[in-house]
Amino acid sequence: MPVIVRPEDYDVWLDPKRDMEEVIALMRPYDGDNFAVRAVAPPMSRYDTLQPSMF
């Protein structure tokens, strides 16, 4: 599962000098209300069929 970092947490996430506990605290369930789900054509769901014209 990917980690989705909120924009207000980018500085903490990207700072290599931050304490690891502070960074790990950012790894929490994401609010699903902010997701958008879109159907895609079958070729878009296969990595081996992707073409630049699809984007």
PDB file of N, CA and C in Angstrom:
ATOM      1  N   MET A   1       0.847  -1.171   0.000  1.00  0.00           N
ATOM      2  CA  MET A   1       0.000   0.000   0.000  1.00  0.00           C
ATOM      3  C   MET A   1       0.895   1.238   0.000  1.00  0.00           C
ATOM      4  N   PRO A   2       0.618   2.183  -0.879  1.00  0.00           N
ATOM      5  CA  PRO A   2       1.434   3.398  -0.908  1.00  0.00           C
ATOM      6  C   PRO A   2       1.138   4.307   0.285  1.00  0.00           C
ATOM      7  N   VAL A   3       2.082   5.133   0.587  1.00  0.00           N
ATOM      8  CA  VAL A   3       1.886   6.152   1.625  1.00  0.00           C
ATOM      9  C   VAL A   3       1.458   7.427   0.924  1.00  0.00           C
ATOM     10  N   ILE A   4       0.376   8.020   1.369  1.00  0.00           N
ATOM     11  CA  ILE A   4      -0.097   9.286   0.816  1.00  0.00           C
ATOM     12  C   ILE A   4       0.162  10.347   1.877  1.00  0.00           C
ATOM     13  N   VAL A   5       1.083  11.245   1.555  1.00  0.00           N
ATOM     14  CA  VAL A   5       1.481  12.279   2.504  1.00  0.00           C
ATOM     15  C   VAL A   5       0.707  13.560   2.193  1.00  0.00           C
ATOM     16  N   ARG A   6       0.118  14.135   3.224  1.00  0.00           N
ATOM     17  CA  ARG A   6      -0.611  15.391   3.046  1.00  0.00           C
ATOM     18  C   ARG A   6       0.372  16.518   2.721  1.00  0.00           C
ATOM     19  N   PRO A   7      -0.023  17.470   1.891  1.00  0.00           N
ATOM     20  CA  PRO A   7       0.877  18.570   1.522  1.00  0.00           C
ATOM     21  C   PRO A   7       1.487  19.285   2.720  1.00  0.00           C
ATOM     22  N   GLU A   8       0.741  19.435   3.792  1.00  0.00           N
ATOM     23  CA  GLU A   8       1.277  20.136   4.960  1.00  0.00           C
ATOM     24  C   GLU A   8       2.357  19.317   5.688  1.00  0.00           C
ATOM     25  N   ASP A   9       2.507  18.038   5.324  1.00  0.00           N
ATOM     26  CA  ASP A   9       3.522  17.184   5.944  1.00  0.00           C
ATOM     27  C   ASP A   9       4.731  16.923   5.044  1.00  0.00           C
ATOM     28  N   TYR A  10       4.765  17.508   3.857  1.00  0.00           N
ATOM     29  CA  TYR A  10       5.866  17.263   2.920  1.00  0.00           C
ATOM     30  C   TYR A  10       7.226  17.575   3.533  1.00  0.00           C
ATOM     31  N   ASP A  11       7.337  18.691   4.236  1.00  0.00           N
ATOM     32  CA  ASP A  11       8.632  19.080   4.800  1.00  0.00           C
ATOM     33  C   ASP A  11       9.164  18.030   5.770  1.00  0.00           C
ATOM     34  N   VAL A  12       8.293  17.500   6.596  1.00  0.00           N
ATOM     35  CA  VAL A  12       8.716  16.462   7.543  1.00  0.00           C
ATOM     36  C   VAL A  12       9.101  15.190   6.784  1.00  0.00           C
ATOM     37  N   TRP A  13       8.274  14.780   5.840  1.00  0.00           N
ATOM     38  CA  TRP A  13       8.494  13.543   5.092  1.00  0.00           C
ATOM     39  C   TRP A  13       9.808  13.578   4.313  1.00  0.00           C
ATOM     40  N   LEU A  14      10.146  14.714   3.746  1.00  0.00           N
ATOM     41  CA  LEU A  14      11.318  14.810   2.879  1.00  0.00           C
ATOM     42  C   LEU A  14      12.604  15.214   3.587  1.00  0.00           C
ATOM     43  N   ASP A  15      12.535  15.574   4.845  1.00  0.00           N
ATOM     44  CA  ASP A  15      13.714  16.028   5.584  1.00  0.00           C
ATOM     45  C   ASP A  15      14.489  14.827   6.131  1.00  0.00           C
ATOM     46  N   PRO A  16      15.690  14.545   5.592  1.00  0.00           N
ATOM     47  CA  PRO A  16      16.443  13.374   6.054  1.00  0.00           C
ATOM     48  C   PRO A  16      16.963  13.506   7.483  1.00  0.00           C
ATOM     49  N   LYS A  17      16.896  14.691   8.056  1.00  0.00           N
ATOM     50  CA  LYS A  17      17.386  14.901   9.424  1.00  0.00           C
ATOM     51  C   LYS A  17      16.290  14.718  10.473  1.00  0.00           C
ATOM     52  N   ARG A  18      15.062  14.506  10.025  1.00  0.00           N
ATOM     53  CA  ARG A  18      13.954  14.329  10.969  1.00  0.00           C
ATOM     54  C   ARG A  18      14.081  13.025  11.724  1.00  0.00           C
ATOM     55  N   ASP A  19      13.586  13.020  12.932  1.00  0.00           N
ATOM     56  CA  ASP A  19      13.554  11.819  13.747  1.00  0.00           C
ATOM     57  C   ASP A  19      12.627  10.796  13.084  1.00  0.00           C
ATOM     58  N   MET A  20      13.054   9.558  13.039  1.00  0.00           N
ATOM     59  CA  MET A  20      12.277   8.515  12.370  1.00  0.00           C
ATOM     60  C   MET A  20      10.890   8.358  12.973  1.00  0.00           C
ATOM     61  N   GLU A  21      10.751   8.531  14.273  1.00  0.00           N
ATOM     62  CA  GLU A  21       9.431   8.420  14.908  1.00  0.00           C
ATOM     63  C   GLU A  21       8.477   9.482  14.375  1.00  0.00           C
ATOM     64  N   GLU A  22       8.994  10.669  14.104  1.00  0.00           N
ATOM     65  CA  GLU A  22       8.165  11.750  13.553  1.00  0.00           C
ATOM     66  C   GLU A  22       7.706  11.399  12.137  1.00  0.00           C
ATOM     67  N   VAL A  23       8.589  10.791  11.369  1.00  0.00           N
ATOM     68  CA  VAL A  23       8.246  10.394  10.003  1.00  0.00           C
ATOM     69  C   VAL A  23       7.247   9.235  10.027  1.00  0.00           C
ATOM     70  N   ILE A  24       7.484   8.261  10.864  1.00  0.00           N
ATOM     71  CA  ILE A  24       6.575   7.109  10.962  1.00  0.00           C
ATOM     72  C   ILE A  24       5.176   7.546  11.383  1.00  0.00           C
ATOM     73  N   ALA A  25       5.093   8.585  12.199  1.00  0.00           N
ATOM     74  CA  ALA A  25       3.783   9.087  12.637  1.00  0.00           C
ATOM     75  C   ALA A  25       2.938   9.584  11.467  1.00  0.00           C
ATOM     76  N   LEU A  26       3.567   9.913  10.347  1.00  0.00           N
ATOM     77  CA  LEU A  26       2.822  10.359   9.168  1.00  0.00           C
ATOM     78  C   LEU A  26       2.145   9.194   8.450  1.00  0.00           C
ATOM     79  N   MET A  27       2.558   7.977   8.738  1.00  0.00           N
ATOM     80  CA  MET A  27       2.005   6.792   8.079  1.00  0.00           C
ATOM     81  C   MET A  27       0.774   6.320   8.824  1.00  0.00           C
ATOM     82  N   ARG A  28      -0.332   6.948   8.509  1.00  0.00           N
ATOM     83  CA  ARG A  28      -1.598   6.614   9.152  1.00  0.00           C
ATOM     84  C   ARG A  28      -2.665   6.485   8.062  1.00  0.00           C
ATOM     85  N   PRO A  29      -3.776   5.856   8.357  1.00  0.00           N
ATOM     86  CA  PRO A  29      -4.816   5.706   7.336  1.00  0.00           C
ATOM     87  C   PRO A  29      -5.220   7.056   6.755  1.00  0.00           C
ATOM     88  N   TYR A  30      -5.410   7.064   5.463  1.00  0.00           N
ATOM     89  CA  TYR A  30      -5.792   8.285   4.758  1.00  0.00           C
ATOM     90  C   TYR A  30      -7.305   8.420   4.746  1.00  0.00           C
ATOM     91  N   ASP A  31      -7.774   9.640   4.876  1.00  0.00           N
ATOM     92  CA  ASP A  31      -9.210   9.914   4.849  1.00  0.00           C
ATOM     93  C   ASP A  31      -9.759   9.598   3.460  1.00  0.00           C
ATOM     94  N   GLY A  32     -10.527   8.549   3.348  1.00  0.00           N
ATOM     95  CA  GLY A  32     -11.057   8.107   2.064  1.00  0.00           C
ATOM     96  C   GLY A  32     -12.004   9.084   1.400  1.00  0.00           C
ATOM     97  N   ASP A  33     -12.481  10.076   2.132  1.00  0.00           N
ATOM     98  CA  ASP A  33     -13.399  11.048   1.535  1.00  0.00           C
ATOM     99  C   ASP A  33     -12.714  11.925   0.499  1.00  0.00           C
ATOM    100  N   ASN A  34     -11.392  11.944   0.505  1.00  0.00           N
ATOM    101  CA  ASN A  34     -10.659  12.801  -0.423  1.00  0.00           C
ATOM    102  C   ASN A  34     -10.193  12.079  -1.683  1.00  0.00           C
ATOM    103  N   PHE A  35     -10.627  10.847  -1.865  1.00  0.00           N
ATOM    104  CA  PHE A  35     -10.254  10.092  -3.053  1.00  0.00           C
ATOM    105  C   PHE A  35     -11.314  10.237  -4.130  1.00  0.00           C
ATOM    106  N   ALA A  36     -10.858  10.216  -5.367  1.00  0.00           N
ATOM    107  CA  ALA A  36     -11.770  10.176  -6.502  1.00  0.00           C
ATOM    108  C   ALA A  36     -11.517   8.871  -7.238  1.00  0.00           C
ATOM    109  N   VAL A  37     -12.569   8.133  -7.535  1.00  0.00           N
ATOM    110  CA  VAL A  37     -12.451   6.866  -8.235  1.00  0.00           C
ATOM    111  C   VAL A  37     -12.983   7.069  -9.643  1.00  0.00           C
ATOM    112  N   ARG A  38     -12.172   6.636 -10.596  1.00  0.00           N
ATOM    113  CA  ARG A  38     -12.583   6.777 -11.998  1.00  0.00           C
ATOM    114  C   ARG A  38     -12.368   5.448 -12.719  1.00  0.00           C
ATOM    115  N   ALA A  39     -13.322   5.075 -13.512  1.00  0.00           N
ATOM    116  CA  ALA A  39     -13.171   3.870 -14.327  1.00  0.00           C
ATOM    117  C   ALA A  39     -12.199   4.173 -15.466  1.00  0.00           C
ATOM    118  N   VAL A  40     -11.405   3.185 -15.832  1.00  0.00           N
ATOM    119  CA  VAL A  40     -10.478   3.344 -16.956  1.00  0.00           C
ATOM    120  C   VAL A  40     -10.714   2.218 -17.945  1.00  0.00           C
ATOM    121  N   ALA A  41     -10.329   2.481 -19.184  1.00  0.00           N
ATOM    122  CA  ALA A  41     -10.449   1.459 -20.218  1.00  0.00           C
ATOM    123  C   ALA A  41      -9.468   0.324 -19.917  1.00  0.00           C
ATOM    124  N   PRO A  42      -9.785  -0.895 -20.315  1.00  0.00           N
ATOM    125  CA  PRO A  42      -8.896  -2.018 -20.026  1.00  0.00           C
ATOM    126  C   PRO A  42      -7.416  -1.792 -20.375  1.00  0.00           C
ATOM    127  N   PRO A  43      -7.083  -1.162 -21.507  1.00  0.00           N
ATOM    128  CA  PRO A  43      -5.654  -0.959 -21.787  1.00  0.00           C
ATOM    129  C   PRO A  43      -4.942  -0.095 -20.742  1.00  0.00           C
ATOM    130  N   MET A  44      -5.660   0.794 -20.078  1.00  0.00           N
ATOM    131  CA  MET A  44      -5.049   1.661 -19.065  1.00  0.00           C
ATOM    132  C   MET A  44      -4.690   0.883 -17.805  1.00  0.00           C
ATOM    133  N   SER A  45      -5.294  -0.244 -17.593  1.00  0.00           N
ATOM    134  CA  SER A  45      -5.030  -1.008 -16.378  1.00  0.00           C
ATOM    135  C   SER A  45      -3.899  -2.018 -16.553  1.00  0.00           C
ATOM    136  N   ARG A  46      -3.284  -2.022 -17.707  1.00  0.00           N
ATOM    137  CA  ARG A  46      -2.171  -2.948 -17.973  1.00  0.00           C
ATOM    138  C   ARG A  46      -0.916  -2.140 -18.296  1.00  0.00           C
ATOM    139  N   TYR A  47       0.134  -2.367 -17.527  1.00  0.00           N
ATOM    140  CA  TYR A  47       1.369  -1.603 -17.723  1.00  0.00           C
ATOM    141  C   TYR A  47       2.000  -1.854 -19.087  1.00  0.00           C
ATOM    142  N   ASP A  48       1.810  -3.027 -19.660  1.00  0.00           N
ATOM    143  CA  ASP A  48       2.483  -3.358 -20.916  1.00  0.00           C
ATOM    144  C   ASP A  48       1.774  -2.789 -22.146  1.00  0.00           C
ATOM    145  N   THR A  49       0.625  -2.151 -21.968  1.00  0.00           N
ATOM    146  CA  THR A  49      -0.084  -1.564 -23.101  1.00  0.00           C
ATOM    147  C   THR A  49      -0.108  -0.040 -23.056  1.00  0.00           C
ATOM    148  N   LEU A  50       0.537   0.559 -22.071  1.00  0.00           N
ATOM    149  CA  LEU A  50       0.495   2.013 -21.932  1.00  0.00           C
ATOM    150  C   LEU A  50       1.252   2.709 -23.054  1.00  0.00           C
ATOM    151  N   GLN A  51       0.640   3.742 -23.569  1.00  0.00           N
ATOM    152  CA  GLN A  51       1.231   4.562 -24.628  1.00  0.00           C
ATOM    153  C   GLN A  51       1.147   6.025 -24.199  1.00  0.00           C
ATOM    154  N   PRO A  52       2.101   6.868 -24.595  1.00  0.00           N
ATOM    155  CA  PRO A  52       2.051   8.291 -24.226  1.00  0.00           C
ATOM    156  C   PRO A  52       0.740   8.969 -24.619  1.00  0.00           C
ATOM    157  N   SER A  53       0.123   8.535 -25.699  1.00  0.00           N
ATOM    158  CA  SER A  53      -1.127   9.159 -26.150  1.00  0.00           C
ATOM    159  C   SER A  53      -2.285   8.914 -25.190  1.00  0.00           C
ATOM    160  N   MET A  54      -2.131   7.985 -24.259  1.00  0.00           N
ATOM    161  CA  MET A  54      -3.206   7.680 -23.308  1.00  0.00           C
ATOM    162  C   MET A  54      -3.290   8.687 -22.171  1.00  0.00           C
ATOM    163  N   PHE A  55      -2.284   9.526 -22.033  1.00  0.00           N
ATOM    164  CA  PHE A  55      -2.254  10.442 -20.895  1.00  0.00           C
ATOM    165  C   PHE A  55      -2.581  11.850 -21.285  1.00  0.00           C
TER     166      PHE A  55
END
